[in-house]
Amino acid sequence: MAYTNAQMRQHIYELQTYLYAISMIDKNIPQVIPSGVYGQDTTAAVKAFQHEYGLNATGNTDPATWNKIVHVYRNEVNSAPVPYNAFPSATAVIHKGDSGQIVYILQAMLDNIGRSFDNSPNVEVCGKYNSSTADAIKLFQKRVGLAQTGAVNSATWNMLVHCCEHINNSL
């Protein structure tokens, strides 16, 4: 059976998908948006990959290049989870009225604590730092010996993280 144009585009798309993912990890690899067309951007990304990983930098995807791209991609995808630094800075303070990703994470930690300990409140994970979030933080701060401000500074954040790690490690 002959290799069709549709199959070729699918293979190029797969190559571009791997290269795109690798470019998010290795900033020396230019991003290529998967399209199924082996154009100049794909050639540049392949060439950069080859250069970065000690292959002959031709811009063509030979078997050695393909195997190395797949190897690098799979090793990264299957590696241990990468820590995510969510708290903005050592001087940041998250408080009532704030919203966004950091508040979702904060509320998820409070929810984890609430589900693990009967004497801790359940907090809605909504991304808005509301009164119930502030009240739960004050109670948590009291229990761990911190000033009961209802706001989350790095000390409160660190204690929340340690508490959640303890819960997760005891499962």
C-alpha atoms as a PDB file:
ATOM      1  CA  MET A   1       0.000   0.000   0.000  1.00  0.00           C
ATOM      2  CA  ALA A   2       1.364   3.426  -0.941  1.00  0.00           C
ATOM      3  CA  TYR A   3       2.159   6.154   1.584  1.00  0.00           C
ATOM      4  CA  THR A   4      -0.635   8.710   1.050  1.00  0.00           C
ATOM      5  CA  ASN A   5      -0.459  12.494   1.359  1.00  0.00           C
ATOM      6  CA  ALA A   6      -2.894  12.283   4.264  1.00  0.00           C
ATOM      7  CA  GLN A   7      -0.588   9.856   6.099  1.00  0.00           C
ATOM      8  CA  MET A   8       2.398  12.100   5.421  1.00  0.00           C
ATOM      9  CA  ARG A   9       0.547  15.158   6.797  1.00  0.00           C
ATOM     10  CA  GLN A  10      -0.431  13.154   9.886  1.00  0.00           C
ATOM     11  CA  HIS A  11       3.188  12.148  10.505  1.00  0.00           C
ATOM     12  CA  ILE A  12       4.366  15.728  10.045  1.00  0.00           C
ATOM     13  CA  TYR A  13       1.647  16.873  12.437  1.00  0.00           C
ATOM     14  CA  GLU A  14       2.845  14.320  15.008  1.00  0.00           C
ATOM     15  CA  LEU A  15       6.454  15.503  14.574  1.00  0.00           C
ATOM     16  CA  GLN A  16       5.360  19.119  15.021  1.00  0.00           C
ATOM     17  CA  THR A  17       3.352  18.206  18.119  1.00  0.00           C
ATOM     18  CA  TYR A  18       6.429  16.640  19.723  1.00  0.00           C
ATOM     19  CA  LEU A  19       8.596  19.597  18.735  1.00  0.00           C
ATOM     20  CA  TYR A  20       6.052  22.066  20.118  1.00  0.00           C
ATOM     21  CA  ALA A  21       6.009  20.246  23.469  1.00  0.00           C
ATOM     22  CA  ILE A  22       9.818  20.067  23.547  1.00  0.00           C
ATOM     23  CA  SER A  23      10.026  23.798  22.774  1.00  0.00           C
ATOM     24  CA  MET A  24       8.036  24.519  25.932  1.00  0.00           C
ATOM     25  CA  ILE A  25      10.768  22.747  27.918  1.00  0.00           C
ATOM     26  CA  ASP A  26      13.850  23.706  25.902  1.00  0.00           C
ATOM     27  CA  LYS A  27      13.833  27.389  24.933  1.00  0.00           C
ATOM     28  CA  ASN A  28      16.577  26.742  22.335  1.00  0.00           C
ATOM     29  CA  ILE A  29      14.002  24.988  20.164  1.00  0.00           C
ATOM     30  CA  PRO A  30      11.752  27.447  18.296  1.00  0.00           C
ATOM     31  CA  GLN A  31       8.033  26.838  18.606  1.00  0.00           C
ATOM     32  CA  VAL A  32       6.311  25.327  15.633  1.00  0.00           C
ATOM     33  CA  ILE A  33       2.538  25.242  15.536  1.00  0.00           C
ATOM     34  CA  PRO A  34       1.332  21.819  14.356  1.00  0.00           C
ATOM     35  CA  SER A  35      -0.171  22.138  10.893  1.00  0.00           C
ATOM     36  CA  GLY A  36       0.821  19.012   8.989  1.00  0.00           C
ATOM     37  CA  VAL A  37       2.934  21.079   6.581  1.00  0.00           C
ATOM     38  CA  TYR A  38       6.732  20.719   6.716  1.00  0.00           C
ATOM     39  CA  GLY A  39       7.556  24.366   6.086  1.00  0.00           C
ATOM     40  CA  GLN A  40      10.352  26.729   7.079  1.00  0.00           C
ATOM     41  CA  ASP A  41       9.264  26.856  10.725  1.00  0.00           C
ATOM     42  CA  THR A  42       9.388  23.062  11.000  1.00  0.00           C
ATOM     43  CA  THR A  43      12.754  22.943   9.265  1.00  0.00           C
ATOM     44  CA  ALA A  44      14.113  25.574  11.671  1.00  0.00           C
ATOM     45  CA  ALA A  45      12.771  23.706  14.713  1.00  0.00           C
ATOM     46  CA  VAL A  46      14.203  20.382  13.505  1.00  0.00           C
ATOM     47  CA  LYS A  47      17.550  22.019  12.756  1.00  0.00           C
ATOM     48  CA  ALA A  48      17.662  23.636  16.204  1.00  0.00           C
ATOM     49  CA  PHE A  49      16.714  20.332  17.829  1.00  0.00           C
ATOM     50  CA  GLN A  50      19.437  18.510  15.902  1.00  0.00           C
ATOM     51  CA  HIS A  51      22.004  21.120  16.923  1.00  0.00           C
ATOM     52  CA  GLU A  52      20.897  21.040  20.579  1.00  0.00           C
ATOM     53  CA  TYR A  53      20.994  17.237  20.810  1.00  0.00           C
ATOM     54  CA  GLY A  54      24.236  16.572  18.920  1.00  0.00           C
ATOM     55  CA  LEU A  55      22.815  15.435  15.599  1.00  0.00           C
ATOM     56  CA  ASN A  56      23.815  16.548  12.116  1.00  0.00           C
ATOM     57  CA  ALA A  57      21.856  19.828  11.792  1.00  0.00           C
ATOM     58  CA  THR A  58      20.248  19.436   8.363  1.00  0.00           C
ATOM     59  CA  GLY A  59      16.651  20.390   9.157  1.00  0.00           C
ATOM     60  CA  ASN A  60      15.503  17.069   7.675  1.00  0.00           C
ATOM     61  CA  THR A  61      13.871  14.441   9.868  1.00  0.00           C
ATOM     62  CA  ASP A  62      15.929  11.316   9.290  1.00  0.00           C
ATOM     63  CA  PRO A  63      15.409   8.170  11.423  1.00  0.00           C
ATOM     64  CA  ALA A  64      18.051   9.231  13.994  1.00  0.00           C
ATOM     65  CA  THR A  65      16.360  12.631  14.400  1.00  0.00           C
ATOM     66  CA  TRP A  66      12.892  11.115  14.644  1.00  0.00           C
ATOM     67  CA  ASN A  67      14.023   8.597  17.260  1.00  0.00           C
ATOM     68  CA  LYS A  68      15.748  11.302  19.329  1.00  0.00           C
ATOM     69  CA  ILE A  69      12.703  13.611  19.186  1.00  0.00           C
ATOM     70  CA  VAL A  70      10.424  10.783  20.330  1.00  0.00           C
ATOM     71  CA  HIS A  71      12.916   9.802  23.059  1.00  0.00           C
ATOM     72  CA  VAL A  72      13.236  13.368  24.417  1.00  0.00           C
ATOM     73  CA  TYR A  73       9.456  13.884  24.297  1.00  0.00           C
ATOM     74  CA  ARG A  74       8.634  10.605  26.065  1.00  0.00           C
ATOM     75  CA  ASN A  75      11.323  11.093  28.706  1.00  0.00           C
ATOM     76  CA  GLU A  76       9.915  14.504  29.591  1.00  0.00           C
ATOM     77  CA  VAL A  77       6.270  13.444  29.554  1.00  0.00           C
ATOM     78  CA  ASN A  78       6.978  10.360  31.670  1.00  0.00           C
ATOM     79  CA  SER A  79       9.327  12.072  34.126  1.00  0.00           C
ATOM     80  CA  ALA A  80       8.516  12.912  37.732  1.00  0.00           C
ATOM     81  CA  PRO A  81       6.037  15.774  38.157  1.00  0.00           C
ATOM     82  CA  VAL A  82       7.587  19.205  37.875  1.00  0.00           C
ATOM     83  CA  PRO A  83       7.047  21.415  40.934  1.00  0.00           C
ATOM     84  CA  TYR A  84       4.888  24.442  40.236  1.00  0.00           C
ATOM     85  CA  ASN A  85       5.758  27.663  42.042  1.00  0.00           C
ATOM     86  CA  ALA A  86       2.367  29.282  42.393  1.00  0.00           C
ATOM     87  CA  PHE A  87       2.934  31.832  45.131  1.00  0.00           C
ATOM     88  CA  PRO A  88       4.016  35.107  43.492  1.00  0.00           C
ATOM     89  CA  SER A  89       6.846  36.218  45.820  1.00  0.00           C
ATOM     90  CA  ALA A  90       8.065  36.212  49.398  1.00  0.00           C
ATOM     91  CA  THR A  91       6.453  39.613  49.969  1.00  0.00           C
ATOM     92  CA  ALA A  92       3.113  38.942  48.263  1.00  0.00           C
ATOM     93  CA  VAL A  93      -0.099  38.896  50.281  1.00  0.00           C
ATOM     94  CA  ILE A  94      -3.299  37.311  48.970  1.00  0.00           C
ATOM     95  CA  HIS A  95      -6.428  38.618  50.662  1.00  0.00           C
ATOM     96  CA  LYS A  96     -10.178  39.053  50.544  1.00  0.00           C
ATOM     97  CA  GLY A  97     -11.265  40.494  47.202  1.00  0.00           C
ATOM     98  CA  ASP A  98      -8.457  38.850  45.203  1.00  0.00           C
ATOM     99  CA  SER A  99      -9.253  36.329  42.500  1.00  0.00           C
ATOM    100  CA  GLY A 100      -7.588  34.094  39.971  1.00  0.00           C
ATOM    101  CA  GLN A 101      -5.378  31.043  39.770  1.00  0.00           C
ATOM    102  CA  ILE A 102      -3.587  31.560  43.065  1.00  0.00           C
ATOM    103  CA  VAL A 103      -6.929  31.772  44.888  1.00  0.00           C
ATOM    104  CA  TYR A 104      -8.132  28.541  43.204  1.00  0.00           C
ATOM    105  CA  ILE A 105      -4.993  26.778  44.413  1.00  0.00           C
ATOM    106  CA  LEU A 106      -5.353  28.258  47.899  1.00  0.00           C
ATOM    107  CA  GLN A 107      -8.999  27.174  48.089  1.00  0.00           C
ATOM    108  CA  ALA A 108      -8.122  23.698  46.793  1.00  0.00           C
ATOM    109  CA  MET A 109      -5.615  23.335  49.618  1.00  0.00           C
ATOM    110  CA  LEU A 110      -8.208  24.517  52.154  1.00  0.00           C
ATOM    111  CA  ASP A 111     -10.716  22.058  50.645  1.00  0.00           C
ATOM    112  CA  ASN A 112      -8.168  19.251  51.015  1.00  0.00           C
ATOM    113  CA  ILE A 113      -7.667  20.177  54.672  1.00  0.00           C
ATOM    114  CA  GLY A 114     -11.446  20.442  55.215  1.00  0.00           C
ATOM    115  CA  ARG A 115     -12.041  16.977  53.771  1.00  0.00           C
ATOM    116  CA  SER A 116      -9.236  15.520  55.883  1.00  0.00           C
ATOM    117  CA  PHE A 117     -10.102  17.004  59.269  1.00  0.00           C
ATOM    118  CA  ASP A 118     -13.603  17.107  60.732  1.00  0.00           C
ATOM    119  CA  ASN A 119     -12.875  20.314  62.648  1.00  0.00           C
ATOM    120  CA  SER A 120     -11.892  22.268  59.515  1.00  0.00           C
ATOM    121  CA  PRO A 121     -14.458  24.039  57.349  1.00  0.00           C
ATOM    122  CA  ASN A 122     -15.201  23.130  53.761  1.00  0.00           C
ATOM    123  CA  VAL A 123     -14.373  25.968  51.390  1.00  0.00           C
ATOM    124  CA  GLU A 124     -15.912  26.469  47.966  1.00  0.00           C
ATOM    125  CA  VAL A 125     -13.259  26.386  45.258  1.00  0.00           C
ATOM    126  CA  CYS A 126     -14.444  29.322  43.149  1.00  0.00           C
ATOM    127  CA  GLY A 127     -11.350  31.460  42.534  1.00  0.00           C
ATOM    128  CA  LYS A 128     -12.713  34.427  44.495  1.00  0.00           C
ATOM    129  CA  TYR A 129     -11.219  35.194  47.897  1.00  0.00           C
ATOM    130  CA  ASN A 130     -14.480  35.631  49.770  1.00  0.00           C
ATOM    131  CA  SER A 131     -15.488  35.785  53.449  1.00  0.00           C
ATOM    132  CA  SER A 132     -15.605  32.006  53.889  1.00  0.00           C
ATOM    133  CA  THR A 133     -12.067  31.725  52.486  1.00  0.00           C
ATOM    134  CA  ALA A 134     -10.837  34.463  54.833  1.00  0.00           C
ATOM    135  CA  ASP A 135     -12.562  32.783  57.812  1.00  0.00           C
ATOM    136  CA  ALA A 136     -11.008  29.412  56.948  1.00  0.00           C
ATOM    137  CA  ILE A 137      -7.583  31.063  56.673  1.00  0.00           C
ATOM    138  CA  LYS A 138      -8.004  32.739  60.082  1.00  0.00           C
ATOM    139  CA  LEU A 139      -8.890  29.397  61.669  1.00  0.00           C
ATOM    140  CA  PHE A 140      -5.929  27.713  59.962  1.00  0.00           C
ATOM    141  CA  GLN A 141      -3.605  30.514  61.065  1.00  0.00           C
ATOM    142  CA  LYS A 142      -4.829  30.130  64.652  1.00  0.00           C
ATOM    143  CA  ARG A 143      -4.185  26.367  64.602  1.00  0.00           C
ATOM    144  CA  VAL A 144      -0.621  26.745  63.313  1.00  0.00           C
ATOM    145  CA  GLY A 145       0.334  29.664  65.549  1.00  0.00           C
ATOM    146  CA  LEU A 146       0.339  32.475  63.005  1.00  0.00           C
ATOM    147  CA  ALA A 147      -1.218  35.920  63.269  1.00  0.00           C
ATOM    148  CA  GLN A 148      -4.906  35.599  62.426  1.00  0.00           C
ATOM    149  CA  THR A 149      -5.139  38.131  59.602  1.00  0.00           C
ATOM    150  CA  GLY A 150      -7.295  36.195  57.161  1.00  0.00           C
ATOM    151  CA  ALA A 151      -4.750  37.079  54.469  1.00  0.00           C
ATOM    152  CA  VAL A 152      -2.176  34.690  53.014  1.00  0.00           C
ATOM    153  CA  ASN A 153       1.456  35.721  53.140  1.00  0.00           C
ATOM    154  CA  SER A 154       4.385  33.396  52.476  1.00  0.00           C
ATOM    155  CA  ALA A 155       4.339  32.059  56.076  1.00  0.00           C
ATOM    156  CA  THR A 156       0.670  31.054  55.829  1.00  0.00           C
ATOM    157  CA  TRP A 157       1.213  29.680  52.312  1.00  0.00           C
ATOM    158  CA  ASN A 158       4.165  27.570  53.468  1.00  0.00           C
ATOM    159  CA  MET A 159       2.178  26.113  56.368  1.00  0.00           C
ATOM    160  CA  LEU A 160      -0.737  25.309  54.034  1.00  0.00           C
ATOM    161  CA  VAL A 161       1.612  23.548  51.624  1.00  0.00           C
ATOM    162  CA  HIS A 162       3.250  21.558  54.439  1.00  0.00           C
ATOM    163  CA  CYS A 163      -0.154  20.582  55.826  1.00  0.00           C
ATOM    164  CA  CYS A 164      -1.345  19.391  52.411  1.00  0.00           C
ATOM    165  CA  GLU A 165       1.903  17.506  51.800  1.00  0.00           C
ATOM    166  CA  HIS A 166       1.430  15.773  55.164  1.00  0.00           C
ATOM    167  CA  ILE A 167      -2.126  14.807  54.207  1.00  0.00           C
ATOM    168  CA  ASN A 168      -1.046  13.542  50.788  1.00  0.00           C
ATOM    169  CA  ASN A 169       1.885  11.571  52.228  1.00  0.00           C
ATOM    170  CA  SER A 170      -0.355   9.850  54.773  1.00  0.00           C
ATOM    171  CA  LEU A 171      -2.732   8.508  52.113  1.00  0.00           C
END
